[in-house]
Amino acid sequence: DFDGVSSAADGFSTQVGSVESVVDNILTLFRKYKENLITTQTLTKKDFQETVVSLEQQLATNRQSLALSEETLATKRGALVSKTQELADTRESYTTTVEFRKKLQTTCDEKAADHQEMTDLRTNEIITLGKAIELLSVAAGDVVAAPQEGLAGAASLLRRRATVVSRLVRVARAMSPQEEGEENDKVLGFLRLEARKIGS
């Protein structure tokens, strides 16, 4: 006789009775346990499959996000390279502009100095020409007012006046001694011409 049949499972308990009843009870409990196990496995498998699908979807999403991130990173790297080149070009342009400004400033300063020098020369010429005209007027007056000195005296006076005028012109125009002699001859010729006009 079977005093009892037991199992490690919680659903099995000590069975007492005839062999057939014990076997039937065991089969009943086994089928019940099997159904519960199958149901549990089915649910577990379903949950696992759902988890796998969810993880695959999440993995696909993460891969897509990673691809977008890599694309964005590549775009930003390209933009960085472009901006770096623009910065280098801007620095080069700035350096060129600064150098050009320095050269332009130097040229402007030289032009301003040349203009000032020319202005000073013209101012001196005007003053000197004024003095020359004054001396010419005095010389012509001396020739007319002093006929008693004769032609030689008049000529001597004209030479002195011409020399003074030539020196004034030389100072105004910064002439060389040779140019001063030529200018002196021109002035002397002019004075002689004026003397002839007034009959001296």
C-alpha atoms as a PDB file:
ATOM      1  CA  ASP A   1       0.000   0.000   0.000  1.00  0.00           C
ATOM      2  CA  PHE A   2       0.952   3.522  -0.616  1.00  0.00           C
ATOM      3  CA  ASP A   3       0.712   5.329   2.597  1.00  0.00           C
ATOM      4  CA  GLY A   4       1.221   8.504   0.712  1.00  0.00           C
ATOM      5  CA  VAL A   5       2.903  10.146  -2.247  1.00  0.00           C
ATOM      6  CA  SER A   6       4.615  13.485  -1.838  1.00  0.00           C
ATOM      7  CA  SER A   7       6.418  15.905  -4.137  1.00  0.00           C
ATOM      8  CA  ALA A   8       8.666  18.949  -3.806  1.00  0.00           C
ATOM      9  CA  ALA A   9       5.977  21.077  -5.448  1.00  0.00           C
ATOM     10  CA  ASP A  10       3.587  22.955  -3.225  1.00  0.00           C
ATOM     11  CA  GLY A  11       0.581  21.541  -5.080  1.00  0.00           C
ATOM     12  CA  PHE A  12       1.394  18.005  -4.054  1.00  0.00           C
ATOM     13  CA  SER A  13       0.504  16.899  -0.579  1.00  0.00           C
ATOM     14  CA  THR A  14       0.412  13.624   1.194  1.00  0.00           C
ATOM     15  CA  GLN A  15      -2.075  11.320  -0.482  1.00  0.00           C
ATOM     16  CA  VAL A  16      -3.831   8.575   1.406  1.00  0.00           C
ATOM     17  CA  GLY A  17      -6.078   5.960  -0.127  1.00  0.00           C
ATOM     18  CA  SER A  18      -6.078   3.319  -2.778  1.00  0.00           C
ATOM     19  CA  VAL A  19      -3.512   3.279  -5.554  1.00  0.00           C
ATOM     20  CA  GLU A  20      -5.993   4.360  -8.192  1.00  0.00           C
ATOM     21  CA  SER A  21      -7.311   7.255  -6.174  1.00  0.00           C
ATOM     22  CA  VAL A  22      -3.791   8.309  -5.307  1.00  0.00           C
ATOM     23  CA  VAL A  23      -2.738   8.126  -8.959  1.00  0.00           C
ATOM     24  CA  ASP A  24      -5.834  10.038 -10.045  1.00  0.00           C
ATOM     25  CA  ASN A  25      -5.171  12.677  -7.471  1.00  0.00           C
ATOM     26  CA  ILE A  26      -1.540  12.870  -8.535  1.00  0.00           C
ATOM     27  CA  LEU A  27      -2.552  13.155 -12.186  1.00  0.00           C
ATOM     28  CA  THR A  28      -5.082  15.801 -11.350  1.00  0.00           C
ATOM     29  CA  LEU A  29      -2.546  17.767  -9.370  1.00  0.00           C
ATOM     30  CA  PHE A  30       0.107  17.239 -12.061  1.00  0.00           C
ATOM     31  CA  ARG A  31      -2.229  18.465 -14.784  1.00  0.00           C
ATOM     32  CA  LYS A  32      -3.159  21.467 -12.691  1.00  0.00           C
ATOM     33  CA  TYR A  33       0.491  22.193 -11.943  1.00  0.00           C
ATOM     34  CA  LYS A  34       1.373  21.692 -15.615  1.00  0.00           C
ATOM     35  CA  GLU A  35      -1.372  24.085 -16.741  1.00  0.00           C
ATOM     36  CA  ASN A  36      -0.216  26.654 -14.234  1.00  0.00           C
ATOM     37  CA  LEU A  37       3.368  26.198 -15.369  1.00  0.00           C
ATOM     38  CA  ILE A  38       2.384  26.470 -19.032  1.00  0.00           C
ATOM     39  CA  THR A  39       0.296  29.562 -18.307  1.00  0.00           C
ATOM     40  CA  THR A  40       3.188  31.070 -16.357  1.00  0.00           C
ATOM     41  CA  GLN A  41       5.655  30.213 -19.118  1.00  0.00           C
ATOM     42  CA  THR A  42       3.281  31.623 -21.749  1.00  0.00           C
ATOM     43  CA  LEU A  43       2.926  34.849 -19.841  1.00  0.00           C
ATOM     44  CA  THR A  44       6.654  34.970 -19.146  1.00  0.00           C
ATOM     45  CA  LYS A  45       7.436  34.272 -22.813  1.00  0.00           C
ATOM     46  CA  LYS A  46       4.966  36.937 -23.891  1.00  0.00           C
ATOM     47  CA  ASP A  47       6.474  39.428 -21.496  1.00  0.00           C
ATOM     48  CA  PHE A  48       9.950  38.457 -22.676  1.00  0.00           C
ATOM     49  CA  GLN A  49       8.964  38.827 -26.311  1.00  0.00           C
ATOM     50  CA  GLU A  50       7.347  42.183 -25.600  1.00  0.00           C
ATOM     51  CA  THR A  51      10.486  43.202 -23.733  1.00  0.00           C
ATOM     52  CA  VAL A  52      12.650  42.075 -26.659  1.00  0.00           C
ATOM     53  CA  VAL A  53      10.469  43.996 -29.117  1.00  0.00           C
ATOM     54  CA  SER A  54      10.569  47.039 -26.879  1.00  0.00           C
ATOM     55  CA  LEU A  55      14.345  46.789 -26.533  1.00  0.00           C
ATOM     56  CA  GLU A  56      14.760  46.336 -30.292  1.00  0.00           C
ATOM     57  CA  GLN A  57      12.579  49.358 -30.907  1.00  0.00           C
ATOM     58  CA  GLN A  58      14.534  51.328 -28.337  1.00  0.00           C
ATOM     59  CA  LEU A  59      17.786  50.121 -29.898  1.00  0.00           C
ATOM     60  CA  ALA A  60      16.574  51.187 -33.352  1.00  0.00           C
ATOM     61  CA  THR A  61      15.558  54.562 -31.942  1.00  0.00           C
ATOM     62  CA  ASN A  62      18.923  54.928 -30.236  1.00  0.00           C
ATOM     63  CA  ARG A  63      20.720  53.996 -33.461  1.00  0.00           C
ATOM     64  CA  GLN A  64      18.680  56.538 -35.381  1.00  0.00           C
ATOM     65  CA  SER A  65      19.381  59.155 -32.736  1.00  0.00           C
ATOM     66  CA  LEU A  66      23.076  58.251 -32.857  1.00  0.00           C
ATOM     67  CA  ALA A  67      23.094  58.596 -36.654  1.00  0.00           C
ATOM     68  CA  LEU A  68      21.436  62.010 -36.364  1.00  0.00           C
ATOM     69  CA  SER A  69      23.919  63.017 -33.683  1.00  0.00           C
ATOM     70  CA  GLU A  70      26.824  61.904 -35.866  1.00  0.00           C
ATOM     71  CA  GLU A  71      25.363  63.830 -38.799  1.00  0.00           C
ATOM     72  CA  THR A  72      24.909  66.902 -36.613  1.00  0.00           C
ATOM     73  CA  LEU A  73      28.458  66.483 -35.308  1.00  0.00           C
ATOM     74  CA  ALA A  74      29.786  66.252 -38.876  1.00  0.00           C
ATOM     75  CA  THR A  75      27.815  69.390 -39.808  1.00  0.00           C
ATOM     76  CA  LYS A  76      29.134  71.267 -36.806  1.00  0.00           C
ATOM     77  CA  ARG A  77      32.681  70.134 -37.574  1.00  0.00           C
ATOM     78  CA  GLY A  78      32.247  71.429 -41.121  1.00  0.00           C
ATOM     79  CA  ALA A  79      30.875  74.704 -39.783  1.00  0.00           C
ATOM     80  CA  LEU A  80      33.805  74.902 -37.367  1.00  0.00           C
ATOM     81  CA  VAL A  81      36.279  74.413 -40.226  1.00  0.00           C
ATOM     82  CA  SER A  82      34.463  77.059 -42.264  1.00  0.00           C
ATOM     83  CA  LYS A  83      34.398  79.531 -39.370  1.00  0.00           C
ATOM     84  CA  THR A  84      38.064  78.847 -38.656  1.00  0.00           C
ATOM     85  CA  GLN A  85      38.904  79.628 -42.286  1.00  0.00           C
ATOM     86  CA  GLU A  86      36.754  82.755 -42.152  1.00  0.00           C
ATOM     87  CA  LEU A  87      38.575  83.824 -38.998  1.00  0.00           C
ATOM     88  CA  ALA A  88      41.941  83.259 -40.677  1.00  0.00           C
ATOM     89  CA  ASP A  89      40.798  85.227 -43.749  1.00  0.00           C
ATOM     90  CA  THR A  90      39.490  88.025 -41.538  1.00  0.00           C
ATOM     91  CA  ARG A  91      42.763  88.201 -39.629  1.00  0.00           C
ATOM     92  CA  GLU A  92      44.708  88.290 -42.893  1.00  0.00           C
ATOM     93  CA  SER A  93      42.402  90.994 -44.262  1.00  0.00           C
ATOM     94  CA  TYR A  94      42.787  92.966 -41.032  1.00  0.00           C
ATOM     95  CA  THR A  95      46.575  92.689 -41.214  1.00  0.00           C
ATOM     96  CA  THR A  96      46.531  93.817 -44.854  1.00  0.00           C
ATOM     97  CA  THR A  97      44.228  96.703 -43.996  1.00  0.00           C
ATOM     98  CA  VAL A  98      46.450  97.812 -41.122  1.00  0.00           C
ATOM     99  CA  GLU A  99      49.527  97.695 -43.354  1.00  0.00           C
ATOM    100  CA  PHE A 100      47.724  99.612 -46.090  1.00  0.00           C
ATOM    101  CA  ARG A 101      46.574 102.180 -43.530  1.00  0.00           C
ATOM    102  CA  LYS A 102      50.158 102.642 -42.349  1.00  0.00           C
ATOM    103  CA  LYS A 103      51.382 103.103 -45.910  1.00  0.00           C
ATOM    104  CA  LEU A 104      48.503 105.444 -46.684  1.00  0.00           C
ATOM    105  CA  GLN A 105      49.200 107.435 -43.520  1.00  0.00           C
ATOM    106  CA  THR A 106      52.870 107.703 -44.494  1.00  0.00           C
ATOM    107  CA  THR A 107      51.900 108.837 -47.996  1.00  0.00           C
ATOM    108  CA  CYS A 108      49.438 111.366 -46.604  1.00  0.00           C
ATOM    109  CA  ASP A 109      52.073 112.717 -44.220  1.00  0.00           C
ATOM    110  CA  GLU A 110      54.565 113.012 -47.086  1.00  0.00           C
ATOM    111  CA  LYS A 111      51.974 114.730 -49.283  1.00  0.00           C
ATOM    112  CA  ALA A 112      51.074 117.087 -46.457  1.00  0.00           C
ATOM    113  CA  ALA A 113      54.752 117.906 -45.906  1.00  0.00           C
ATOM    114  CA  ASP A 114      55.279 118.443 -49.654  1.00  0.00           C
ATOM    115  CA  HIS A 115      52.211 120.646 -49.805  1.00  0.00           C
ATOM    116  CA  GLN A 116      53.382 122.676 -46.825  1.00  0.00           C
ATOM    117  CA  GLU A 117      56.841 123.029 -48.370  1.00  0.00           C
ATOM    118  CA  MET A 118      55.327 124.092 -51.695  1.00  0.00           C
ATOM    119  CA  THR A 119      53.042 126.529 -49.919  1.00  0.00           C
ATOM    120  CA  ASP A 120      56.008 128.013 -48.071  1.00  0.00           C
ATOM    121  CA  LEU A 121      57.958 128.290 -51.337  1.00  0.00           C
ATOM    122  CA  ARG A 122      55.057 129.992 -53.084  1.00  0.00           C
ATOM    123  CA  THR A 123      54.614 132.337 -50.143  1.00  0.00           C
ATOM    124  CA  ASN A 124      58.302 133.213 -50.263  1.00  0.00           C
ATOM    125  CA  GLU A 125      58.077 133.713 -54.024  1.00  0.00           C
ATOM    126  CA  ILE A 126      55.163 136.079 -53.628  1.00  0.00           C
ATOM    127  CA  ILE A 127      57.017 138.059 -50.982  1.00  0.00           C
ATOM    128  CA  THR A 128      60.209 138.057 -53.057  1.00  0.00           C
ATOM    129  CA  LEU A 129      58.410 139.073 -56.228  1.00  0.00           C
ATOM    130  CA  GLY A 130      56.799 141.879 -54.312  1.00  0.00           C
ATOM    131  CA  LYS A 131      60.221 143.018 -53.187  1.00  0.00           C
ATOM    132  CA  ALA A 132      61.513 142.645 -56.748  1.00  0.00           C
ATOM    133  CA  ILE A 133      58.719 144.794 -58.110  1.00  0.00           C
ATOM    134  CA  GLU A 134      59.448 147.367 -55.449  1.00  0.00           C
ATOM    135  CA  LEU A 135      63.166 147.350 -56.321  1.00  0.00           C
ATOM    136  CA  LEU A 136      62.403 147.552 -60.025  1.00  0.00           C
ATOM    137  CA  SER A 137      60.184 150.543 -59.424  1.00  0.00           C
ATOM    138  CA  VAL A 138      62.901 152.213 -57.350  1.00  0.00           C
ATOM    139  CA  ALA A 139      65.540 151.401 -59.976  1.00  0.00           C
ATOM    140  CA  ALA A 140      63.462 152.855 -62.775  1.00  0.00           C
ATOM    141  CA  GLY A 141      62.815 155.945 -60.654  1.00  0.00           C
ATOM    142  CA  ASP A 142      66.531 156.301 -59.919  1.00  0.00           C
ATOM    143  CA  VAL A 143      67.399 156.101 -63.595  1.00  0.00           C
ATOM    144  CA  VAL A 144      64.852 158.777 -64.445  1.00  0.00           C
ATOM    145  CA  ALA A 145      65.696 161.045 -61.480  1.00  0.00           C
ATOM    146  CA  ALA A 146      69.486 160.879 -61.864  1.00  0.00           C
ATOM    147  CA  PRO A 147      70.325 161.570 -65.558  1.00  0.00           C
ATOM    148  CA  GLN A 148      73.403 163.533 -64.519  1.00  0.00           C
ATOM    149  CA  GLU A 149      75.209 160.360 -63.601  1.00  0.00           C
ATOM    150  CA  GLY A 150      75.204 159.378 -67.217  1.00  0.00           C
ATOM    151  CA  LEU A 151      74.662 156.061 -68.892  1.00  0.00           C
ATOM    152  CA  ALA A 152      77.534 154.382 -67.041  1.00  0.00           C
ATOM    153  CA  GLY A 153      76.107 155.338 -63.664  1.00  0.00           C
ATOM    154  CA  ALA A 154      72.651 154.206 -64.670  1.00  0.00           C
ATOM    155  CA  ALA A 155      73.998 150.906 -65.926  1.00  0.00           C
ATOM    156  CA  SER A 156      75.924 150.384 -62.676  1.00  0.00           C
ATOM    157  CA  LEU A 157      72.791 151.115 -60.674  1.00  0.00           C
ATOM    158  CA  LEU A 158      70.800 148.687 -62.790  1.00  0.00           C
ATOM    159  CA  ARG A 159      73.379 145.956 -62.248  1.00  0.00           C
ATOM    160  CA  ARG A 160      73.232 146.427 -58.475  1.00  0.00           C
ATOM    161  CA  ARG A 161      69.444 146.319 -58.532  1.00  0.00           C
ATOM    162  CA  ALA A 162      69.470 143.272 -60.786  1.00  0.00           C
ATOM    163  CA  THR A 163      71.884 141.496 -58.456  1.00  0.00           C
ATOM    164  CA  VAL A 164      69.657 142.191 -55.447  1.00  0.00           C
ATOM    165  CA  VAL A 165      66.565 141.030 -57.312  1.00  0.00           C
ATOM    166  CA  SER A 166      68.309 137.882 -58.527  1.00  0.00           C
ATOM    167  CA  ARG A 167      69.374 137.023 -54.990  1.00  0.00           C
ATOM    168  CA  LEU A 168      65.855 137.510 -53.757  1.00  0.00           C
ATOM    169  CA  VAL A 169      64.563 135.241 -56.500  1.00  0.00           C
ATOM    170  CA  ARG A 170      67.282 132.698 -55.699  1.00  0.00           C
ATOM    171  CA  VAL A 171      66.245 132.639 -52.050  1.00  0.00           C
ATOM    172  CA  ALA A 172      62.607 132.254 -53.028  1.00  0.00           C
ATOM    173  CA  ARG A 173      63.237 129.494 -55.567  1.00  0.00           C
ATOM    174  CA  ALA A 174      66.344 127.896 -54.017  1.00  0.00           C
ATOM    175  CA  MET A 175      68.412 128.438 -57.200  1.00  0.00           C
ATOM    176  CA  SER A 176      72.001 127.366 -57.795  1.00  0.00           C
ATOM    177  CA  PRO A 177      74.683 130.052 -58.397  1.00  0.00           C
ATOM    178  CA  GLN A 178      74.576 129.299 -62.130  1.00  0.00           C
ATOM    179  CA  GLU A 179      70.818 129.722 -62.208  1.00  0.00           C
ATOM    180  CA  GLU A 180      71.216 132.917 -60.201  1.00  0.00           C
ATOM    181  CA  GLY A 181      73.575 134.317 -62.916  1.00  0.00           C
ATOM    182  CA  GLU A 182      71.062 133.477 -65.626  1.00  0.00           C
ATOM    183  CA  GLU A 183      68.284 135.102 -63.616  1.00  0.00           C
ATOM    184  CA  ASN A 184      70.529 138.109 -63.014  1.00  0.00           C
ATOM    185  CA  ASP A 185      71.012 138.534 -66.787  1.00  0.00           C
ATOM    186  CA  LYS A 186      67.262 138.310 -67.332  1.00  0.00           C
ATOM    187  CA  VAL A 187      66.553 140.962 -64.734  1.00  0.00           C
ATOM    188  CA  LEU A 188      69.299 143.205 -66.095  1.00  0.00           C
ATOM    189  CA  GLY A 189      67.887 142.891 -69.602  1.00  0.00           C
ATOM    190  CA  PHE A 190      64.458 143.780 -68.299  1.00  0.00           C
ATOM    191  CA  LEU A 191      65.799 146.851 -66.520  1.00  0.00           C
ATOM    192  CA  ARG A 192      67.637 147.976 -69.645  1.00  0.00           C
ATOM    193  CA  LEU A 193      64.486 147.557 -71.670  1.00  0.00           C
ATOM    194  CA  GLU A 194      62.562 149.674 -69.185  1.00  0.00           C
ATOM    195  CA  ALA A 195      65.336 152.288 -69.254  1.00  0.00           C
ATOM    196  CA  ARG A 196      65.086 152.542 -73.039  1.00  0.00           C
ATOM    197  CA  LYS A 197      61.361 153.017 -72.812  1.00  0.00           C
ATOM    198  CA  ILE A 198      61.803 156.081 -70.628  1.00  0.00           C
ATOM    199  CA  GLY A 199      64.621 157.431 -72.825  1.00  0.00           C
ATOM    200  CA  SER A 200      67.554 156.971 -70.397  1.00  0.00           C
END
